Amino acid sequence: MPVEIVIHVEGMVEKTLVFDQEPTVQMVIDELDVGHEAALECLNMTVVLSHEDHLYIQKKQEGLISLNKASKVELMEIKGIGEKRAEAIIAARPFSRLEDLLNVKGIGEKSYQNYRPYLCL
């Protein structure tokens, strides 16, 4: 029986894709028509996605803050990130996906959704 791996794409593209194997982020991007508008530099193309994973694709914009490189002060520019939370984010580096931010103590789904539009890897 063939395996179906469902990936939910969100952000500038809203689409559900089905693969016959666990795809990499690059494989998902190859299936989409995102052109030059997507902030692909915010994605780790080598990450392997699993069934029912969500992939958020941001539109290119100025001023995205790097989750892996930003200073504490830069992270604190995002509404809701104070000194302690910025320190916790820095301590949890490196991140391979934006969703890994959910593993940082004190950051739940609601906070993650608020921060996500301002962040890239």
N, C-alpha and C. Protein backbone atom coordinates (compact mmCIF):
# COMPACT_ATOMS: atom_id res chain seq x y z
N MET A 1 0.85 -1.18 0.00
CA MET A 1 0.00 0.00 0.00
C MET A 1 0.89 1.24 0.00
N PRO A 2 0.66 2.18 -0.93
CA PRO A 2 1.50 3.38 -1.00
C PRO A 2 1.31 4.28 0.22
N VAL A 3 2.38 4.93 0.59
CA VAL A 3 2.36 5.84 1.73
C VAL A 3 2.03 7.24 1.21
N GLU A 4 1.19 7.95 1.93
CA GLU A 4 0.89 9.34 1.59
C GLU A 4 1.38 10.24 2.71
N ILE A 5 2.26 11.17 2.37
CA ILE A 5 2.78 12.14 3.32
C ILE A 5 2.13 13.48 2.97
N VAL A 6 1.32 13.99 3.88
CA VAL A 6 0.61 15.25 3.65
C VAL A 6 1.38 16.39 4.31
N ILE A 7 1.65 17.43 3.53
CA ILE A 7 2.34 18.62 4.02
C ILE A 7 1.44 19.82 3.79
N HIS A 8 1.26 20.62 4.83
CA HIS A 8 0.42 21.82 4.76
C HIS A 8 1.32 23.04 4.60
N VAL A 9 1.14 23.75 3.50
CA VAL A 9 1.93 24.95 3.23
C VAL A 9 1.09 26.16 3.61
N GLU A 10 1.70 27.07 4.37
CA GLU A 10 0.99 28.26 4.86
C GLU A 10 1.82 29.50 4.58
N GLY A 11 1.23 30.65 4.80
CA GLY A 11 1.92 31.92 4.60
C GLY A 11 1.51 32.52 3.28
N MET A 12 2.50 32.88 2.45
CA MET A 12 2.18 33.52 1.18
C MET A 12 1.52 32.54 0.20
N VAL A 13 1.61 31.25 0.48
CA VAL A 13 0.95 30.21 -0.31
C VAL A 13 0.18 29.33 0.65
N GLU A 14 -1.08 29.09 0.37
CA GLU A 14 -1.90 28.20 1.18
C GLU A 14 -2.21 26.98 0.32
N LYS A 15 -1.62 25.85 0.65
CA LYS A 15 -1.81 24.67 -0.18
C LYS A 15 -1.49 23.42 0.63
N THR A 16 -2.16 22.34 0.33
CA THR A 16 -1.86 21.04 0.92
C THR A 16 -1.29 20.17 -0.19
N LEU A 17 -0.11 19.61 0.06
CA LEU A 17 0.56 18.77 -0.92
C LEU A 17 0.67 17.34 -0.39
N VAL A 18 0.65 16.38 -1.30
CA VAL A 18 0.78 14.98 -0.94
C VAL A 18 2.00 14.40 -1.65
N PHE A 19 2.85 13.73 -0.88
CA PHE A 19 4.06 13.11 -1.41
C PHE A 19 4.03 11.62 -1.10
N ASP A 20 4.81 10.85 -1.86
CA ASP A 20 4.89 9.41 -1.60
C ASP A 20 6.08 9.04 -0.73
N GLN A 21 6.81 10.07 -0.29
CA GLN A 21 7.92 9.89 0.66
C GLN A 21 8.04 11.18 1.47
N GLU A 22 8.76 11.13 2.58
CA GLU A 22 8.95 12.34 3.37
C GLU A 22 9.79 13.32 2.56
N PRO A 23 9.23 14.48 2.23
CA PRO A 23 9.94 15.43 1.38
C PRO A 23 10.86 16.35 2.18
N THR A 24 11.87 16.86 1.50
CA THR A 24 12.67 17.94 2.08
C THR A 24 11.92 19.24 1.80
N VAL A 25 12.32 20.29 2.49
CA VAL A 25 11.73 21.60 2.23
C VAL A 25 11.94 21.96 0.76
N GLN A 26 13.12 21.65 0.21
CA GLN A 26 13.40 21.95 -1.20
C GLN A 26 12.41 21.25 -2.12
N MET A 27 12.06 20.00 -1.83
CA MET A 27 11.10 19.27 -2.65
C MET A 27 9.73 19.95 -2.63
N VAL A 28 9.34 20.47 -1.47
CA VAL A 28 8.06 21.17 -1.37
C VAL A 28 8.11 22.46 -2.19
N ILE A 29 9.19 23.22 -2.04
CA ILE A 29 9.34 24.48 -2.78
C ILE A 29 9.29 24.21 -4.28
N ASP A 30 9.91 23.12 -4.72
CA ASP A 30 9.91 22.78 -6.15
C ASP A 30 8.51 22.54 -6.69
N GLU A 31 7.57 22.16 -5.83
CA GLU A 31 6.19 21.90 -6.25
C GLU A 31 5.34 23.17 -6.28
N LEU A 32 5.86 24.26 -5.76
CA LEU A 32 5.10 25.50 -5.65
C LEU A 32 5.59 26.54 -6.65
N ASP A 33 4.72 27.47 -6.97
CA ASP A 33 5.09 28.58 -7.84
C ASP A 33 5.21 29.83 -6.97
N VAL A 34 6.35 29.96 -6.29
CA VAL A 34 6.52 31.10 -5.39
C VAL A 34 7.34 32.22 -6.01
N GLY A 35 8.01 31.94 -7.12
CA GLY A 35 8.78 32.97 -7.81
C GLY A 35 9.81 33.62 -6.92
N HIS A 36 10.04 34.89 -7.16
CA HIS A 36 11.05 35.64 -6.42
C HIS A 36 10.47 36.36 -5.21
N GLU A 37 9.18 36.14 -4.95
CA GLU A 37 8.52 36.85 -3.85
C GLU A 37 8.72 36.17 -2.50
N ALA A 38 9.11 34.92 -2.50
CA ALA A 38 9.24 34.17 -1.24
C ALA A 38 10.59 34.43 -0.59
N ALA A 39 10.58 34.50 0.73
CA ALA A 39 11.81 34.68 1.51
C ALA A 39 12.44 33.30 1.73
N LEU A 40 12.97 32.73 0.67
CA LEU A 40 13.52 31.37 0.74
C LEU A 40 14.74 31.29 1.64
N GLU A 41 15.41 32.43 1.86
CA GLU A 41 16.56 32.44 2.76
C GLU A 41 16.14 32.16 4.20
N CYS A 42 14.86 32.22 4.47
CA CYS A 42 14.34 31.94 5.81
C CYS A 42 14.12 30.45 6.04
N LEU A 43 14.34 29.65 5.01
CA LEU A 43 14.07 28.22 5.10
C LEU A 43 15.36 27.41 5.03
N ASN A 44 15.38 26.32 5.75
CA ASN A 44 16.48 25.36 5.65
C ASN A 44 16.02 24.29 4.67
N MET A 45 16.54 24.34 3.45
CA MET A 45 16.06 23.48 2.36
C MET A 45 16.33 22.00 2.58
N THR A 46 17.23 21.66 3.49
CA THR A 46 17.59 20.25 3.69
C THR A 46 16.76 19.54 4.76
N VAL A 47 15.93 20.28 5.48
CA VAL A 47 15.11 19.67 6.53
C VAL A 47 14.10 18.71 5.89
N VAL A 48 13.99 17.53 6.47
CA VAL A 48 13.02 16.53 6.01
C VAL A 48 11.73 16.71 6.80
N LEU A 49 10.63 16.84 6.08
CA LEU A 49 9.32 17.04 6.70
C LEU A 49 8.61 15.70 6.88
N SER A 50 7.75 15.65 7.87
CA SER A 50 7.00 14.43 8.18
C SER A 50 5.52 14.64 7.89
N HIS A 51 4.78 13.55 7.90
CA HIS A 51 3.34 13.58 7.65
C HIS A 51 2.65 14.60 8.55
N GLU A 52 1.81 15.44 7.95
CA GLU A 52 1.01 16.47 8.63
C GLU A 52 1.85 17.65 9.12
N ASP A 53 3.11 17.77 8.69
CA ASP A 53 3.90 18.95 9.05
C ASP A 53 3.35 20.18 8.33
N HIS A 54 3.62 21.33 8.92
CA HIS A 54 3.24 22.62 8.34
C HIS A 54 4.51 23.35 7.95
N LEU A 55 4.52 23.92 6.75
CA LEU A 55 5.66 24.70 6.27
C LEU A 55 5.17 26.11 6.01
N TYR A 56 5.75 27.08 6.70
CA TYR A 56 5.34 28.48 6.57
C TYR A 56 6.31 29.18 5.62
N ILE A 57 5.77 29.76 4.55
CA ILE A 57 6.60 30.47 3.57
C ILE A 57 6.26 31.95 3.66
N GLN A 58 7.27 32.72 4.04
CA GLN A 58 7.09 34.16 4.18
C GLN A 58 7.32 34.87 2.86
N LYS A 59 6.65 36.00 2.71
CA LYS A 59 6.90 36.87 1.58
C LYS A 59 8.15 37.69 1.90
N LYS A 60 8.99 37.92 0.88
CA LYS A 60 10.19 38.72 1.09
C LYS A 60 9.79 40.09 1.60
N GLN A 61 10.49 40.52 2.62
CA GLN A 61 10.27 41.86 3.15
C GLN A 61 11.53 42.31 3.85
N GLU A 62 11.66 43.59 3.97
CA GLU A 62 12.82 44.14 4.66
C GLU A 62 12.64 43.96 6.16
N GLY A 63 13.74 43.81 6.84
CA GLY A 63 13.69 43.85 8.29
C GLY A 63 13.40 42.55 9.01
N LEU A 64 13.47 41.41 8.32
CA LEU A 64 13.29 40.15 9.04
C LEU A 64 14.47 39.95 9.99
N ILE A 65 14.18 39.41 11.15
CA ILE A 65 15.19 39.20 12.18
C ILE A 65 15.59 37.73 12.18
N SER A 66 16.89 37.47 12.13
CA SER A 66 17.40 36.11 12.08
C SER A 66 17.33 35.45 13.46
N LEU A 67 16.61 34.36 13.52
CA LEU A 67 16.48 33.59 14.76
C LEU A 67 17.82 33.05 15.22
N ASN A 68 18.70 32.73 14.29
CA ASN A 68 19.99 32.14 14.62
C ASN A 68 21.11 33.15 14.80
N LYS A 69 20.94 34.37 14.30
CA LYS A 69 22.05 35.33 14.32
C LYS A 69 21.78 36.62 15.09
N ALA A 70 20.52 36.92 15.36
CA ALA A 70 20.17 38.20 15.98
C ALA A 70 20.71 38.30 17.41
N SER A 71 21.06 39.51 17.78
CA SER A 71 21.48 39.78 19.15
C SER A 71 20.25 39.82 20.06
N LYS A 72 20.49 39.85 21.34
CA LYS A 72 19.39 39.95 22.31
C LYS A 72 18.58 41.21 22.05
N VAL A 73 19.27 42.32 21.80
CA VAL A 73 18.59 43.60 21.55
C VAL A 73 17.73 43.51 20.29
N GLU A 74 18.25 42.89 19.24
CA GLU A 74 17.48 42.75 18.00
C GLU A 74 16.23 41.90 18.22
N LEU A 75 16.36 40.80 18.95
CA LEU A 75 15.20 39.96 19.23
C LEU A 75 14.15 40.72 20.04
N MET A 76 14.61 41.58 20.93
CA MET A 76 13.69 42.34 21.79
C MET A 76 12.93 43.41 21.01
N GLU A 77 13.28 43.65 19.75
CA GLU A 77 12.53 44.58 18.91
C GLU A 77 11.16 44.01 18.53
N ILE A 78 11.01 42.70 18.66
CA ILE A 78 9.74 42.05 18.34
C ILE A 78 8.82 42.17 19.54
N LYS A 79 7.62 42.69 19.30
CA LYS A 79 6.65 42.86 20.38
C LYS A 79 6.40 41.53 21.08
N GLY A 80 6.54 41.52 22.39
CA GLY A 80 6.31 40.33 23.19
C GLY A 80 7.58 39.59 23.59
N ILE A 81 8.71 39.96 22.99
CA ILE A 81 9.98 39.33 23.37
C ILE A 81 10.74 40.30 24.27
N GLY A 82 10.84 39.92 25.54
CA GLY A 82 11.60 40.70 26.50
C GLY A 82 12.99 40.12 26.66
N GLU A 83 13.70 40.64 27.65
CA GLU A 83 15.09 40.23 27.86
C GLU A 83 15.22 38.73 28.14
N LYS A 84 14.41 38.22 29.05
CA LYS A 84 14.50 36.80 29.43
C LYS A 84 14.16 35.87 28.26
N ARG A 85 13.13 36.23 27.51
CA ARG A 85 12.73 35.39 26.38
C ARG A 85 13.79 35.43 25.28
N ALA A 86 14.37 36.61 25.05
CA ALA A 86 15.45 36.73 24.06
C ALA A 86 16.63 35.86 24.47
N GLU A 87 16.97 35.88 25.75
CA GLU A 87 18.07 35.04 26.25
C GLU A 87 17.76 33.56 26.08
N ALA A 88 16.51 33.17 26.31
CA ALA A 88 16.11 31.77 26.14
C ALA A 88 16.21 31.35 24.67
N ILE A 89 15.84 32.24 23.77
CA ILE A 89 15.94 31.96 22.33
C ILE A 89 17.40 31.76 21.95
N ILE A 90 18.26 32.66 22.41
CA ILE A 90 19.69 32.57 22.09
C ILE A 90 20.28 31.27 22.64
N ALA A 91 19.87 30.89 23.84
CA ALA A 91 20.39 29.66 24.46
C ALA A 91 19.94 28.40 23.71
N ALA A 92 18.82 28.48 23.00
CA ALA A 92 18.27 27.31 22.30
C ALA A 92 18.83 27.14 20.88
N ARG A 93 19.67 28.05 20.44
CA ARG A 93 20.24 27.97 19.09
C ARG A 93 21.13 26.76 18.93
N PRO A 94 21.30 26.26 17.72
CA PRO A 94 20.76 26.75 16.45
C PRO A 94 19.37 26.15 16.18
N PHE A 95 18.59 26.87 15.39
CA PHE A 95 17.28 26.43 14.95
C PHE A 95 17.40 25.98 13.50
N SER A 96 16.74 24.88 13.15
CA SER A 96 16.75 24.44 11.75
C SER A 96 15.44 24.79 11.06
N ARG A 97 14.40 25.07 11.86
CA ARG A 97 13.10 25.50 11.33
C ARG A 97 12.54 26.55 12.27
N LEU A 98 11.75 27.46 11.75
CA LEU A 98 11.12 28.47 12.61
C LEU A 98 10.26 27.80 13.68
N GLU A 99 9.62 26.68 13.32
CA GLU A 99 8.75 25.97 14.25
C GLU A 99 9.49 25.47 15.48
N ASP A 100 10.82 25.34 15.39
CA ASP A 100 11.60 24.90 16.55
C ASP A 100 11.52 25.90 17.70
N LEU A 101 11.09 27.11 17.41
CA LEU A 101 10.91 28.12 18.44
C LEU A 101 9.90 27.65 19.49
N LEU A 102 8.99 26.77 19.09
CA LEU A 102 8.00 26.23 20.03
C LEU A 102 8.64 25.39 21.13
N ASN A 103 9.87 24.97 20.94
CA ASN A 103 10.58 24.17 21.94
C ASN A 103 11.23 25.04 23.02
N VAL A 104 11.20 26.35 22.84
CA VAL A 104 11.79 27.27 23.82
C VAL A 104 10.79 27.45 24.96
N LYS A 105 11.26 27.27 26.19
CA LYS A 105 10.40 27.41 27.36
C LYS A 105 9.73 28.78 27.36
N GLY A 106 8.42 28.77 27.55
CA GLY A 106 7.65 30.01 27.62
C GLY A 106 7.07 30.46 26.30
N ILE A 107 7.39 29.76 25.21
CA ILE A 107 6.84 30.14 23.90
C ILE A 107 5.85 29.06 23.47
N GLY A 108 4.59 29.45 23.44
CA GLY A 108 3.54 28.55 22.99
C GLY A 108 3.09 28.91 21.59
N GLU A 109 2.05 28.25 21.14
CA GLU A 109 1.55 28.45 19.77
C GLU A 109 1.15 29.90 19.51
N LYS A 110 0.48 30.54 20.46
CA LYS A 110 0.02 31.92 20.26
C LYS A 110 1.20 32.87 20.10
N SER A 111 2.19 32.76 20.99
CA SER A 111 3.37 33.62 20.89
C SER A 111 4.11 33.35 19.59
N TYR A 112 4.26 32.08 19.25
CA TYR A 112 4.95 31.71 18.01
C TYR A 112 4.27 32.36 16.81
N GLN A 113 2.95 32.28 16.75
CA GLN A 113 2.21 32.87 15.63
C GLN A 113 2.42 34.39 15.56
N ASN A 114 2.55 35.04 16.71
CA ASN A 114 2.79 36.49 16.74
C ASN A 114 4.20 36.84 16.27
N TYR A 115 5.18 36.02 16.60
CA TYR A 115 6.58 36.31 16.26
C TYR A 115 6.93 35.94 14.82
N ARG A 116 6.33 34.88 14.32
CA ARG A 116 6.72 34.27 13.04
C ARG A 116 6.83 35.24 11.87
N PRO A 117 5.93 36.21 11.69
CA PRO A 117 6.06 37.10 10.52
C PRO A 117 7.32 37.97 10.53
N TYR A 118 7.96 38.10 11.67
CA TYR A 118 9.12 38.99 11.80
C TYR A 118 10.45 38.24 11.77
N LEU A 119 10.39 36.91 11.69
CA LEU A 119 11.61 36.09 11.85
C LEU A 119 11.98 35.33 10.59
N CYS A 120 13.26 35.08 10.46
CA CYS A 120 13.79 34.13 9.49
C CYS A 120 14.90 33.37 10.19
N LEU A 121 15.41 32.33 9.56
CA LEU A 121 16.49 31.57 10.17
C LEU A 121 17.78 32.35 10.12
